[in-house]
Amino acid sequence: MNLFTTIENAEISYSVDGDGPLNIVLVHGAGANSESNWGHFVEFLAPHYKVVRPNYSGSGETTDEGQPLSTAQLAEQVIAAAKAADAVPFDLIGFSLGTSVSTYIAAEYPEYVKSICGVIGPLS
C-alpha cells in the first residue's frame, strides 16, 4: 500500500514495511521505482527494520508539476518520506541514481543517516 506525503509542489508516494527496531531507507535508481528495485528484498529486511521505500519525482505514483529536478530536490523528497514514516534516523541504501541521492543526503543531512551503502551493479 502506498502512502503519501507532500513537499514543495510534489506529492511523494512511499511504502513502509516491517516493524523492526531499526529504520532503513531504500533509494531506487533512474528508470525504476521502489518496488522494481527493492521489492524482492523487503521480506528479508522487514523482520529487522522498518523499511521505507520512497518514489521520488518521475517514479511510482509520485506527482509533481513537471519542473526540472535536482539531486537536492530528490534528497528532500526521500527525507520527507522517511520523516512521514517516523523512520529517522535511518540506515540508507541507494542503487544507481539512488546512490548519488543517498550520498547527497549523507553529506547534507548527517543527523538523519546512521550508515550508507551504494550499489552500482545489478540488484539480484
PDB file of N, CA and C in Angstrom:
ATOM      1  N   MET A   1       0.837  -1.178   0.000  1.00  0.00           N
ATOM      2  CA  MET A   1       0.000   0.000   0.000  1.00  0.00           C
ATOM      3  C   MET A   1       0.883   1.243   0.000  1.00  0.00           C
ATOM      4  N   ASN A   2       0.610   2.148  -0.912  1.00  0.00           N
ATOM      5  CA  ASN A   2       1.377   3.380  -0.960  1.00  0.00           C
ATOM      6  C   ASN A   2       0.793   4.420  -0.013  1.00  0.00           C
ATOM      7  N   LEU A   3       1.686   5.095   0.643  1.00  0.00           N
ATOM      8  CA  LEU A   3       1.352   6.232   1.489  1.00  0.00           C
ATOM      9  C   LEU A   3       1.821   7.474   0.753  1.00  0.00           C
ATOM     10  N   PHE A   4       1.412   8.648   1.209  1.00  0.00           N
ATOM     11  CA  PHE A   4       1.789   9.881   0.532  1.00  0.00           C
ATOM     12  C   PHE A   4       2.149  10.962   1.537  1.00  0.00           C
ATOM     13  N   THR A   5       3.112  11.785   1.140  1.00  0.00           N
ATOM     14  CA  THR A   5       3.454  12.994   1.872  1.00  0.00           C
ATOM     15  C   THR A   5       3.733  14.086   0.840  1.00  0.00           C
ATOM     16  N   THR A   6       3.616  15.325   1.253  1.00  0.00           N
ATOM     17  CA  THR A   6       3.789  16.437   0.326  1.00  0.00           C
ATOM     18  C   THR A   6       4.983  17.275   0.740  1.00  0.00           C
ATOM     19  N   ILE A   7       5.792  17.655  -0.246  1.00  0.00           N
ATOM     20  CA  ILE A   7       6.896  18.579  -0.038  1.00  0.00           C
ATOM     21  C   ILE A   7       6.979  19.458  -1.277  1.00  0.00           C
ATOM     22  N   GLU A   8       7.100  20.761  -1.053  1.00  0.00           N
ATOM     23  CA  GLU A   8       7.086  21.734  -2.128  1.00  0.00           C
ATOM     24  C   GLU A   8       5.887  21.472  -3.027  1.00  0.00           C
ATOM     25  N   ASN A   9       6.082  21.273  -4.309  1.00  0.00           N
ATOM     26  CA  ASN A   9       4.974  21.061  -5.237  1.00  0.00           C
ATOM     27  C   ASN A   9       4.865  19.608  -5.680  1.00  0.00           C
ATOM     28  N   ALA A  10       5.268  18.688  -4.819  1.00  0.00           N
ATOM     29  CA  ALA A  10       5.231  17.268  -5.172  1.00  0.00           C
ATOM     30  C   ALA A  10       4.501  16.472  -4.093  1.00  0.00           C
ATOM     31  N   GLU A  11       3.732  15.489  -4.547  1.00  0.00           N
ATOM     32  CA  GLU A  11       3.121  14.536  -3.634  1.00  0.00           C
ATOM     33  C   GLU A  11       3.913  13.237  -3.783  1.00  0.00           C
ATOM     34  N   ILE A  12       4.642  12.891  -2.744  1.00  0.00           N
ATOM     35  CA  ILE A  12       5.589  11.777  -2.764  1.00  0.00           C
ATOM     36  C   ILE A  12       4.902  10.500  -2.295  1.00  0.00           C
ATOM     37  N   SER A  13       4.953   9.462  -3.129  1.00  0.00           N
ATOM     38  CA  SER A  13       4.447   8.163  -2.701  1.00  0.00           C
ATOM     39  C   SER A  13       5.601   7.379  -2.075  1.00  0.00           C
ATOM     40  N   TYR A  14       5.256   6.599  -1.064  1.00  0.00           N
ATOM     41  CA  TYR A  14       6.263   5.753  -0.415  1.00  0.00           C
ATOM     42  C   TYR A  14       5.552   4.577   0.230  1.00  0.00           C
ATOM     43  N   SER A  15       6.306   3.538   0.509  1.00  0.00           N
ATOM     44  CA  SER A  15       5.756   2.385   1.212  1.00  0.00           C
ATOM     45  C   SER A  15       6.580   2.144   2.467  1.00  0.00           C
ATOM     46  N   VAL A  16       5.931   1.527   3.434  1.00  0.00           N
ATOM     47  CA  VAL A  16       6.580   1.162   4.693  1.00  0.00           C
ATOM     48  C   VAL A  16       6.240  -0.294   4.962  1.00  0.00           C
ATOM     49  N   ASP A  17       7.261  -1.084   5.208  1.00  0.00           N
ATOM     50  CA  ASP A  17       7.083  -2.498   5.529  1.00  0.00           C
ATOM     51  C   ASP A  17       7.876  -2.812   6.781  1.00  0.00           C
ATOM     52  N   GLY A  18       7.394  -3.778   7.535  1.00  0.00           N
ATOM     53  CA  GLY A  18       8.111  -4.241   8.717  1.00  0.00           C
ATOM     54  C   GLY A  18       7.940  -3.315   9.892  1.00  0.00           C
ATOM     55  N   ASP A  19       8.318  -3.835  11.044  1.00  0.00           N
ATOM     56  CA  ASP A  19       8.249  -3.032  12.261  1.00  0.00           C
ATOM     57  C   ASP A  19       9.431  -3.341  13.168  1.00  0.00           C
ATOM     58  N   GLY A  20      10.550  -3.659  12.517  1.00  0.00           N
ATOM     59  CA  GLY A  20      11.764  -3.941  13.288  1.00  0.00           C
ATOM     60  C   GLY A  20      12.204  -2.724  14.075  1.00  0.00           C
ATOM     61  N   PRO A  21      13.147  -2.905  14.957  1.00  0.00           N
ATOM     62  CA  PRO A  21      13.587  -1.805  15.820  1.00  0.00           C
ATOM     63  C   PRO A  21      14.488  -0.784  15.127  1.00  0.00           C
ATOM     64  N   LEU A  22      14.932  -1.087  13.915  1.00  0.00           N
ATOM     65  CA  LEU A  22      15.811  -0.187  13.181  1.00  0.00           C
ATOM     66  C   LEU A  22      15.088   0.335  11.942  1.00  0.00           C
ATOM     67  N   ASN A  23      15.566   1.455  11.417  1.00  0.00           N
ATOM     68  CA  ASN A  23      14.982   2.053  10.218  1.00  0.00           C
ATOM     69  C   ASN A  23      15.959   1.940   9.059  1.00  0.00           C
ATOM     70  N   ILE A  24      15.431   1.606   7.887  1.00  0.00           N
ATOM     71  CA  ILE A  24      16.247   1.591   6.684  1.00  0.00           C
ATOM     72  C   ILE A  24      15.459   2.254   5.558  1.00  0.00           C
ATOM     73  N   VAL A  25      16.142   3.085   4.775  1.00  0.00           N
ATOM     74  CA  VAL A  25      15.536   3.752   3.633  1.00  0.00           C
ATOM     75  C   VAL A  25      16.244   3.250   2.382  1.00  0.00           C
ATOM     76  N   LEU A  26      15.459   2.761   1.423  1.00  0.00           N
ATOM     77  CA  LEU A  26      15.976   2.213   0.172  1.00  0.00           C
ATOM     78  C   LEU A  26      15.649   3.182  -0.950  1.00  0.00           C
ATOM     79  N   VAL A  27      16.682   3.680  -1.647  1.00  0.00           N
ATOM     80  CA  VAL A  27      16.518   4.712  -2.669  1.00  0.00           C
ATOM     81  C   VAL A  27      16.784   4.094  -4.038  1.00  0.00           C
ATOM     82  N   HIS A  28      15.784   4.124  -4.887  1.00  0.00           N
ATOM     83  CA  HIS A  28      15.849   3.444  -6.188  1.00  0.00           C
ATOM     84  C   HIS A  28      16.639   4.239  -7.224  1.00  0.00           C
ATOM     85  N   GLY A  29      16.881   3.572  -8.355  1.00  0.00           N
ATOM     86  CA  GLY A  29      17.613   4.183  -9.458  1.00  0.00           C
ATOM     87  C   GLY A  29      16.700   4.833 -10.483  1.00  0.00           C
ATOM     88  N   ALA A  30      17.315   5.492 -11.459  1.00  0.00           N
ATOM     89  CA  ALA A  30      16.575   6.134 -12.550  1.00  0.00           C
ATOM     90  C   ALA A  30      15.898   5.075 -13.409  1.00  0.00           C
ATOM     91  N   GLY A  31      14.741   5.398 -13.938  1.00  0.00           N
ATOM     92  CA  GLY A  31      14.027   4.477 -14.803  1.00  0.00           C
ATOM     93  C   GLY A  31      13.382   3.324 -14.059  1.00  0.00           C
ATOM     94  N   ALA A  32      13.375   3.388 -12.749  1.00  0.00           N
ATOM     95  CA  ALA A  32      12.792   2.329 -11.927  1.00  0.00           C
ATOM     96  C   ALA A  32      11.904   2.979 -10.870  1.00  0.00           C
ATOM     97  N   ASN A  33      11.456   2.169  -9.938  1.00  0.00           N
ATOM     98  CA  ASN A  33      10.726   2.684  -8.788  1.00  0.00           C
ATOM     99  C   ASN A  33      11.080   1.834  -7.580  1.00  0.00           C
ATOM    100  N   SER A  34      10.506   2.172  -6.454  1.00  0.00           N
ATOM    101  CA  SER A  34      10.893   1.474  -5.230  1.00  0.00           C
ATOM    102  C   SER A  34      10.529  -0.002  -5.246  1.00  0.00           C
ATOM    103  N   GLU A  35       9.462  -0.359  -5.928  1.00  0.00           N
ATOM    104  CA  GLU A  35       9.067  -1.761  -5.999  1.00  0.00           C
ATOM    105  C   GLU A  35       9.973  -2.541  -6.944  1.00  0.00           C
ATOM    106  N   SER A  36      10.244  -2.005  -8.121  1.00  0.00           N
ATOM    107  CA  SER A  36      11.046  -2.758  -9.092  1.00  0.00           C
ATOM    108  C   SER A  36      12.491  -2.944  -8.622  1.00  0.00           C
ATOM    109  N   ASN A  37      13.067  -1.958  -7.949  1.00  0.00           N
ATOM    110  CA  ASN A  37      14.442  -2.095  -7.457  1.00  0.00           C
ATOM    111  C   ASN A  37      14.534  -2.853  -6.139  1.00  0.00           C
ATOM    112  N   TRP A  38      13.573  -2.671  -5.251  1.00  0.00           N
ATOM    113  CA  TRP A  38      13.735  -3.153  -3.883  1.00  0.00           C
ATOM    114  C   TRP A  38      12.688  -4.159  -3.410  1.00  0.00           C
ATOM    115  N   GLY A  39      11.623  -4.364  -4.160  1.00  0.00           N
ATOM    116  CA  GLY A  39      10.530  -5.213  -3.690  1.00  0.00           C
ATOM    117  C   GLY A  39      10.954  -6.611  -3.265  1.00  0.00           C
ATOM    118  N   HIS A  40      11.891  -7.206  -3.977  1.00  0.00           N
ATOM    119  CA  HIS A  40      12.316  -8.573  -3.670  1.00  0.00           C
ATOM    120  C   HIS A  40      13.217  -8.674  -2.438  1.00  0.00           C
ATOM    121  N   PHE A  41      13.645  -7.544  -1.872  1.00  0.00           N
ATOM    122  CA  PHE A  41      14.474  -7.556  -0.662  1.00  0.00           C
ATOM    123  C   PHE A  41      13.663  -7.360   0.616  1.00  0.00           C
ATOM    124  N   VAL A  42      12.453  -6.853   0.483  1.00  0.00           N
ATOM    125  CA  VAL A  42      11.670  -6.443   1.650  1.00  0.00           C
ATOM    126  C   VAL A  42      11.450  -7.581   2.634  1.00  0.00           C
ATOM    127  N   GLU A  43      11.111  -8.770   2.140  1.00  0.00           N
ATOM    128  CA  GLU A  43      10.819  -9.876   3.054  1.00  0.00           C
ATOM    129  C   GLU A  43      12.016 -10.230   3.947  1.00  0.00           C
ATOM    130  N   PHE A  44      13.227  -9.977   3.473  1.00  0.00           N
ATOM    131  CA  PHE A  44      14.423 -10.272   4.264  1.00  0.00           C
ATOM    132  C   PHE A  44      14.746  -9.160   5.267  1.00  0.00           C
ATOM    133  N   LEU A  45      14.365  -7.939   4.929  1.00  0.00           N
ATOM    134  CA  LEU A  45      14.671  -6.792   5.776  1.00  0.00           C
ATOM    135  C   LEU A  45      13.590  -6.498   6.810  1.00  0.00           C
ATOM    136  N   ALA A  46      12.337  -6.753   6.457  1.00  0.00           N
ATOM    137  CA  ALA A  46      11.216  -6.356   7.303  1.00  0.00           C
ATOM    138  C   ALA A  46      11.237  -6.943   8.722  1.00  0.00           C
ATOM    139  N   PRO A  47      11.744  -8.144   8.943  1.00  0.00           N
ATOM    140  CA  PRO A  47      11.779  -8.634  10.326  1.00  0.00           C
ATOM    141  C   PRO A  47      12.733  -7.838  11.229  1.00  0.00           C
ATOM    142  N   HIS A  48      13.662  -7.128  10.616  1.00  0.00           N
ATOM    143  CA  HIS A  48      14.694  -6.438  11.387  1.00  0.00           C
ATOM    144  C   HIS A  48      14.583  -4.920  11.328  1.00  0.00           C
ATOM    145  N   TYR A  49      13.881  -4.418  10.328  1.00  0.00           N
ATOM    146  CA  TYR A  49      13.821  -2.983  10.068  1.00  0.00           C
ATOM    147  C   TYR A  49      12.397  -2.522   9.796  1.00  0.00           C
ATOM    148  N   LYS A  50      12.178  -1.250  10.020  1.00  0.00           N
ATOM    149  CA  LYS A  50      11.080  -0.555   9.366  1.00  0.00           C
ATOM    150  C   LYS A  50      11.667  -0.129   8.031  1.00  0.00           C
ATOM    151  N   VAL A  51      11.135  -0.646   6.939  1.00  0.00           N
ATOM    152  CA  VAL A  51      11.686  -0.436   5.605  1.00  0.00           C
ATOM    153  C   VAL A  51      10.871   0.642   4.897  1.00  0.00           C
ATOM    154  N   VAL A  52      11.526   1.748   4.550  1.00  0.00           N
ATOM    155  CA  VAL A  52      10.868   2.847   3.853  1.00  0.00           C
ATOM    156  C   VAL A  52      11.411   2.888   2.435  1.00  0.00           C
ATOM    157  N   ARG A  53      10.478   2.878   1.462  1.00  0.00           N
ATOM    158  CA  ARG A  53      10.854   2.910   0.050  1.00  0.00           C
ATOM    159  C   ARG A  53      10.131   4.061  -0.639  1.00  0.00           C
ATOM    160  N   PRO A  54      10.784   5.225  -0.726  1.00  0.00           N
ATOM    161  CA  PRO A  54      10.153   6.353  -1.408  1.00  0.00           C
ATOM    162  C   PRO A  54      10.263   6.235  -2.923  1.00  0.00           C
ATOM    163  N   ASN A  55       9.304   6.827  -3.600  1.00  0.00           N
ATOM    164  CA  ASN A  55       9.344   7.007  -5.051  1.00  0.00           C
ATOM    165  C   ASN A  55       9.477   8.502  -5.289  1.00  0.00           C
ATOM    166  N   TYR A  56      10.661   8.925  -5.688  1.00  0.00           N
ATOM    167  CA  TYR A  56      10.794  10.366  -5.909  1.00  0.00           C
ATOM    168  C   TYR A  56      10.237  10.753  -7.266  1.00  0.00           C
ATOM    169  N   SER A  57      10.226  12.046  -7.539  1.00  0.00           N
ATOM    170  CA  SER A  57       9.622  12.565  -8.773  1.00  0.00           C
ATOM    171  C   SER A  57      10.066  11.774  -9.990  1.00  0.00           C
ATOM    172  N   GLY A  58       9.088  11.440 -10.819  1.00  0.00           N
ATOM    173  CA  GLY A  58       9.355  10.679 -12.032  1.00  0.00           C
ATOM    174  C   GLY A  58       9.175   9.186 -11.855  1.00  0.00           C
ATOM    175  N   SER A  59       8.729   8.755 -10.681  1.00  0.00           N
ATOM    176  CA  SER A  59       8.585   7.319 -10.453  1.00  0.00           C
ATOM    177  C   SER A  59       7.355   7.017  -9.609  1.00  0.00           C
ATOM    178  N   GLY A  60       6.933   5.774  -9.696  1.00  0.00           N
ATOM    179  CA  GLY A  60       5.803   5.325  -8.894  1.00  0.00           C
ATOM    180  C   GLY A  60       4.587   6.211  -9.069  1.00  0.00           C
ATOM    181  N   GLU A  61       3.862   6.418  -7.991  1.00  0.00           N
ATOM    182  CA  GLU A  61       2.665   7.253  -8.008  1.00  0.00           C
ATOM    183  C   GLU A  61       2.954   8.690  -7.593  1.00  0.00           C
ATOM    184  N   THR A  62       4.215   9.046  -7.482  1.00  0.00           N
ATOM    185  CA  THR A  62       4.580  10.414  -7.119  1.00  0.00           C
ATOM    186  C   THR A  62       4.196  11.364  -8.246  1.00  0.00           C
ATOM    187  N   THR A  63       3.636  12.487  -7.862  1.00  0.00           N
ATOM    188  CA  THR A  63       3.250  13.502  -8.842  1.00  0.00           C
ATOM    189  C   THR A  63       3.906  14.829  -8.486  1.00  0.00           C
ATOM    190  N   ASP A  64       4.219  15.596  -9.516  1.00  0.00           N
ATOM    191  CA  ASP A  64       4.757  16.940  -9.327  1.00  0.00           C
ATOM    192  C   ASP A  64       4.320  17.796 -10.503  1.00  0.00           C
ATOM    193  N   GLU A  65       4.831  18.999 -10.588  1.00  0.00           N
ATOM    194  CA  GLU A  65       4.425  19.926 -11.646  1.00  0.00           C
ATOM    195  C   GLU A  65       5.281  19.813 -12.908  1.00  0.00           C
ATOM    196  N   GLY A  66       6.175  18.836 -12.964  1.00  0.00           N
ATOM    197  CA  GLY A  66       6.981  18.618 -14.156  1.00  0.00           C
ATOM    198  C   GLY A  66       8.186  19.529 -14.284  1.00  0.00           C
ATOM    199  N   GLN A  67       8.563  20.172 -13.211  1.00  0.00           N
ATOM    200  CA  GLN A  67       9.716  21.075 -13.239  1.00  0.00           C
ATOM    201  C   GLN A  67      11.018  20.273 -13.310  1.00  0.00           C
ATOM    202  N   PRO A  68      12.091  20.915 -13.769  1.00  0.00           N
ATOM    203  CA  PRO A  68      13.395  20.237 -13.752  1.00  0.00           C
ATOM    204  C   PRO A  68      13.749  19.829 -12.321  1.00  0.00           C
ATOM    205  N   LEU A  69      14.451  18.721 -12.206  1.00  0.00           N
ATOM    206  CA  LEU A  69      14.790  18.180 -10.891  1.00  0.00           C
ATOM    207  C   LEU A  69      16.273  18.315 -10.613  1.00  0.00           C
ATOM    208  N   SER A  70      16.604  18.333  -9.348  1.00  0.00           N
ATOM    209  CA  SER A  70      18.000  18.352  -8.919  1.00  0.00           C
ATOM    210  C   SER A  70      18.198  17.243  -7.887  1.00  0.00           C
ATOM    211  N   THR A  71      19.443  16.892  -7.661  1.00  0.00           N
ATOM    212  CA  THR A  71      19.757  15.910  -6.622  1.00  0.00           C
ATOM    213  C   THR A  71      19.251  16.397  -5.271  1.00  0.00           C
ATOM    214  N   ALA A  72      19.382  17.682  -5.012  1.00  0.00           N
ATOM    215  CA  ALA A  72      18.915  18.248  -3.741  1.00  0.00           C
ATOM    216  C   ALA A  72      17.409  18.045  -3.569  1.00  0.00           C
ATOM    217  N   GLN A  73      16.642  18.270  -4.629  1.00  0.00           N
ATOM    218  CA  GLN A  73      15.187  18.079  -4.534  1.00  0.00           C
ATOM    219  C   GLN A  73      14.831  16.617  -4.290  1.00  0.00           C
ATOM    220  N   LEU A  74      15.492  15.713  -4.997  1.00  0.00           N
ATOM    221  CA  LEU A  74      15.223  14.295  -4.801  1.00  0.00           C
ATOM    222  C   LEU A  74      15.575  13.876  -3.381  1.00  0.00           C
ATOM    223  N   ALA A  75      16.679  14.387  -2.871  1.00  0.00           N
ATOM    224  CA  ALA A  75      17.083  14.090  -1.495  1.00  0.00           C
ATOM    225  C   ALA A  75      16.035  14.578  -0.504  1.00  0.00           C
ATOM    226  N   GLU A  76      15.518  15.773  -0.712  1.00  0.00           N
ATOM    227  CA  GLU A  76      14.490  16.310   0.178  1.00  0.00           C
ATOM    228  C   GLU A  76      13.227  15.454   0.133  1.00  0.00           C
ATOM    229  N   GLN A  77      12.901  14.904  -1.033  1.00  0.00           N
ATOM    230  CA  GLN A  77      11.737  14.033  -1.143  1.00  0.00           C
ATOM    231  C   GLN A  77      11.942  12.734  -0.370  1.00  0.00           C
ATOM    232  N   VAL A  78      13.141  12.174  -0.452  1.00  0.00           N
ATOM    233  CA  VAL A  78      13.454  10.952   0.298  1.00  0.00           C
ATOM    234  C   VAL A  78      13.353  11.221   1.795  1.00  0.00           C
ATOM    235  N   ILE A  79      13.926  12.312   2.247  1.00  0.00           N
ATOM    236  CA  ILE A  79      13.877  12.655   3.669  1.00  0.00           C
ATOM    237  C   ILE A  79      12.442  12.896   4.117  1.00  0.00           C
ATOM    238  N   ALA A  80      11.642  13.556   3.288  1.00  0.00           N
ATOM    239  CA  ALA A  80      10.237  13.803   3.634  1.00  0.00           C
ATOM    240  C   ALA A  80       9.496  12.486   3.864  1.00  0.00           C
ATOM    241  N   ALA A  81       9.756  11.495   3.011  1.00  0.00           N
ATOM    242  CA  ALA A  81       9.113  10.193   3.180  1.00  0.00           C
ATOM    243  C   ALA A  81       9.577   9.517   4.471  1.00  0.00           C
ATOM    244  N   ALA A  82      10.862   9.568   4.759  1.00  0.00           N
ATOM    245  CA  ALA A  82      11.381   8.965   5.994  1.00  0.00           C
ATOM    246  C   ALA A  82      10.785   9.638   7.223  1.00  0.00           C
ATOM    247  N   LYS A  83      10.692  10.946   7.192  1.00  0.00           N
ATOM    248  CA  LYS A  83      10.084  11.668   8.321  1.00  0.00           C
ATOM    249  C   LYS A  83       8.607  11.325   8.456  1.00  0.00           C
ATOM    250  N   ALA A  84       7.882  11.274   7.339  1.00  0.00           N
ATOM    251  CA  ALA A  84       6.461  10.944   7.387  1.00  0.00           C
ATOM    252  C   ALA A  84       6.240   9.544   7.947  1.00  0.00           C
ATOM    253  N   ALA A  85       7.177   8.643   7.692  1.00  0.00           N
ATOM    254  CA  ALA A  85       7.092   7.266   8.190  1.00  0.00           C
ATOM    255  C   ALA A  85       7.598   7.142   9.623  1.00  0.00           C
ATOM    256  N   ASP A  86       8.016   8.252  10.212  1.00  0.00           N
ATOM    257  CA  ASP A  86       8.598   8.249  11.560  1.00  0.00           C
ATOM    258  C   ASP A  86       9.770   7.262  11.613  1.00  0.00           C
ATOM    259  N   ALA A  87      10.667   7.404  10.629  1.00  0.00           N
ATOM    260  CA  ALA A  87      11.788   6.463  10.487  1.00  0.00           C
ATOM    261  C   ALA A  87      13.133   7.186  10.448  1.00  0.00           C
ATOM    262  N   VAL A  88      13.330   8.155  11.307  1.00  0.00           N
ATOM    263  CA  VAL A  88      14.624   8.832  11.408  1.00  0.00           C
ATOM    264  C   VAL A  88      15.157   8.650  12.821  1.00  0.00           C
ATOM    265  N   PRO A  89      16.455   8.451  12.953  1.00  0.00           N
ATOM    266  CA  PRO A  89      17.485   8.311  11.921  1.00  0.00           C
ATOM    267  C   PRO A  89      17.354   6.959  11.215  1.00  0.00           C
ATOM    268  N   PHE A  90      18.103   6.800  10.114  1.00  0.00           N
ATOM    269  CA  PHE A  90      17.967   5.599   9.307  1.00  0.00           C
ATOM    270  C   PHE A  90      19.296   5.173   8.713  1.00  0.00           C
ATOM    271  N   ASP A  91      19.359   3.865   8.393  1.00  0.00           N
ATOM    272  CA  ASP A  91      20.407   3.347   7.526  1.00  0.00           C
ATOM    273  C   ASP A  91      19.917   3.598   6.109  1.00  0.00           C
ATOM    274  N   LEU A  92      20.835   3.795   5.173  1.00  0.00           N
ATOM    275  CA  LEU A  92      20.472   4.263   3.839  1.00  0.00           C
ATOM    276  C   LEU A  92      21.180   3.422   2.786  1.00  0.00           C
ATOM    277  N   ILE A  93      20.406   2.902   1.834  1.00  0.00           N
ATOM    278  CA  ILE A  93      20.985   2.162   0.714  1.00  0.00           C
ATOM    279  C   ILE A  93      20.443   2.761  -0.574  1.00  0.00           C
ATOM    280  N   GLY A  94      21.344   3.103  -1.486  1.00  0.00           N
ATOM    281  CA  GLY A  94      20.951   3.641  -2.775  1.00  0.00           C
ATOM    282  C   GLY A  94      21.429   2.753  -3.900  1.00  0.00           C
ATOM    283  N   PHE A  95      20.635   2.715  -4.970  1.00  0.00           N
ATOM    284  CA  PHE A  95      21.003   1.976  -6.167  1.00  0.00           C
ATOM    285  C   PHE A  95      21.083   2.940  -7.339  1.00  0.00           C
ATOM    286  N   SER A  96      22.186   2.900  -8.098  1.00  0.00           N
ATOM    287  CA  SER A  96      22.365   3.709  -9.292  1.00  0.00           C
ATOM    288  C   SER A  96      22.162   5.190  -8.955  1.00  0.00           C
ATOM    289  N   LEU A  97      21.192   5.869  -9.578  1.00  0.00           N
ATOM    290  CA  LEU A  97      20.924   7.267  -9.222  1.00  0.00           C
ATOM    291  C   LEU A  97      20.672   7.407  -7.724  1.00  0.00           C
ATOM    292  N   GLY A  98      20.054   6.401  -7.140  1.00  0.00           N
ATOM    293  CA  GLY A  98      19.804   6.416  -5.695  1.00  0.00           C
ATOM    294  C   GLY A  98      21.081   6.494  -4.879  1.00  0.00           C
ATOM    295  N   THR A  99      22.193   6.011  -5.424  1.00  0.00           N
ATOM    296  CA  THR A  99      23.482   6.136  -4.740  1.00  0.00           C
ATOM    297  C   THR A  99      23.889   7.598  -4.671  1.00  0.00           C
ATOM    298  N   SER A 100      23.726   8.331  -5.763  1.00  0.00           N
ATOM    299  CA  SER A 100      24.047   9.761  -5.759  1.00  0.00           C
ATOM    300  C   SER A 100      23.149  10.520  -4.791  1.00  0.00           C
ATOM    301  N   VAL A 101      21.857  10.210  -4.823  1.00  0.00           N
ATOM    302  CA  VAL A 101      20.914  10.872  -3.915  1.00  0.00           C
ATOM    303  C   VAL A 101      21.267  10.535  -2.468  1.00  0.00           C
ATOM    304  N   SER A 102      21.585   9.288  -2.199  1.00  0.00           N
ATOM    305  CA  SER A 102      21.944   8.860  -0.846  1.00  0.00           C
ATOM    306  C   SER A 102      23.217   9.542  -0.352  1.00  0.00           C
ATOM    307  N   THR A 103      24.203   9.662  -1.230  1.00  0.00           N
ATOM    308  CA  THR A 103      25.455  10.331  -0.861  1.00  0.00           C
ATOM    309  C   THR A 103      25.184  11.789  -0.517  1.00  0.00           C
ATOM    310  N   TYR A 104      24.338  12.429  -1.300  1.00  0.00           N
ATOM    311  CA  TYR A 104      23.958  13.815  -1.020  1.00  0.00           C
ATOM    312  C   TYR A 104      23.277  13.917   0.347  1.00  0.00           C
ATOM    313  N   ILE A 105      22.356  13.002   0.632  1.00  0.00           N
ATOM    314  CA  ILE A 105      21.668  13.006   1.926  1.00  0.00           C
ATOM    315  C   ILE A 105      22.665  12.855   3.061  1.00  0.00           C
ATOM    316  N   ALA A 106      23.590  11.913   2.931  1.00  0.00           N
ATOM    317  CA  ALA A 106      24.573  11.687   3.996  1.00  0.00           C
ATOM    318  C   ALA A 106      25.455  12.905   4.218  1.00  0.00           C
ATOM    319  N   ALA A 107      25.800  13.602   3.128  1.00  0.00           N
ATOM    320  CA  ALA A 107      26.664  14.785   3.244  1.00  0.00           C
ATOM    321  C   ALA A 107      25.921  15.985   3.808  1.00  0.00           C
ATOM    322  N   GLU A 108      24.689  16.190   3.373  1.00  0.00           N
ATOM    323  CA  GLU A 108      23.945  17.392   3.744  1.00  0.00           C
ATOM    324  C   GLU A 108      23.064  17.233   4.981  1.00  0.00           C
ATOM    325  N   TYR A 109      22.701  16.010   5.310  1.00  0.00           N
ATOM    326  CA  TYR A 109      21.797  15.742   6.434  1.00  0.00           C
ATOM    327  C   TYR A 109      22.354  14.626   7.319  1.00  0.00           C
ATOM    328  N   PRO A 110      23.569  14.769   7.812  1.00  0.00           N
ATOM    329  CA  PRO A 110      24.184  13.674   8.567  1.00  0.00           C
ATOM    330  C   PRO A 110      23.432  13.311   9.852  1.00  0.00           C
ATOM    331  N   GLU A 111      22.622  14.226  10.350  1.00  0.00           N
ATOM    332  CA  GLU A 111      21.865  13.935  11.568  1.00  0.00           C
ATOM    333  C   GLU A 111      20.806  12.851  11.361  1.00  0.00           C
ATOM    334  N   TYR A 112      20.457  12.566  10.106  1.00  0.00           N
ATOM    335  CA  TYR A 112      19.457  11.547   9.808  1.00  0.00           C
ATOM    336  C   TYR A 112      20.065  10.201   9.449  1.00  0.00           C
ATOM    337  N   VAL A 113      21.338  10.168   9.080  1.00  0.00           N
ATOM    338  CA  VAL A 113      21.944   8.972   8.488  1.00  0.00           C
ATOM    339  C   VAL A 113      22.850   8.254   9.489  1.00  0.00           C
ATOM    340  N   LYS A 114      22.518   6.991   9.778  1.00  0.00           N
ATOM    341  CA  LYS A 114      23.351   6.172  10.649  1.00  0.00           C
ATOM    342  C   LYS A 114      24.444   5.467   9.864  1.00  0.00           C
ATOM    343  N   SER A 115      24.110   4.996   8.657  1.00  0.00           N
ATOM    344  CA  SER A 115      25.088   4.358   7.781  1.00  0.00           C
ATOM    345  C   SER A 115      24.593   4.493   6.348  1.00  0.00           C
ATOM    346  N   ILE A 116      25.514   4.314   5.407  1.00  0.00           N
ATOM    347  CA  ILE A 116      25.159   4.455   3.994  1.00  0.00           C
ATOM    348  C   ILE A 116      25.855   3.369   3.186  1.00  0.00           C
ATOM    349  N   CYS A 117      25.154   2.880   2.155  1.00  0.00           N
ATOM    350  CA  CYS A 117      25.712   1.914   1.227  1.00  0.00           C
ATOM    351  C   CYS A 117      25.195   2.259  -0.162  1.00  0.00           C
ATOM    352  N   GLY A 118      26.063   2.220  -1.141  1.00  0.00           N
ATOM    353  CA  GLY A 118      25.660   2.470  -2.518  1.00  0.00           C
ATOM    354  C   GLY A 118      25.906   1.246  -3.365  1.00  0.00           C
ATOM    355  N   VAL A 119      24.979   0.954  -4.270  1.00  0.00           N
ATOM    356  CA  VAL A 119      25.081  -0.192  -5.160  1.00  0.00           C
ATOM    357  C   VAL A 119      25.033   0.332  -6.589  1.00  0.00           C
ATOM    358  N   ILE A 120      26.022  -0.021  -7.378  1.00  0.00           N
ATOM    359  CA  ILE A 120      26.069   0.439  -8.768  1.00  0.00           C
ATOM    360  C   ILE A 120      25.664  -0.683  -9.722  1.00  0.00           C
ATOM    361  N   GLY A 121      26.075  -1.903  -9.455  1.00  0.00           N
ATOM    362  CA  GLY A 121      25.813  -3.031 -10.349  1.00  0.00           C
ATOM    363  C   GLY A 121      24.403  -3.577 -10.214  1.00  0.00           C
ATOM    364  N   PRO A 122      24.118  -4.695 -10.884  1.00  0.00           N
ATOM    365  CA  PRO A 122      22.780  -5.287 -10.888  1.00  0.00           C
ATOM    366  C   PRO A 122      22.319  -5.700  -9.480  1.00  0.00           C
ATOM    367  N   LEU A 123      21.038  -5.517  -9.230  1.00  0.00           N
ATOM    368  CA  LEU A 123      20.416  -5.998  -7.988  1.00  0.00           C
ATOM    369  C   LEU A 123      19.791  -7.345  -8.270  1.00  0.00           C
ATOM    370  N   SER A 124      20.312  -8.385  -7.650  1.00  0.00           N
ATOM    371  CA  SER A 124      19.710  -9.709  -7.850  1.00  0.00           C
ATOM    372  C   SER A 124      19.941 -10.578  -6.639  1.00  0.00           C
TER     373      SER A 124
END
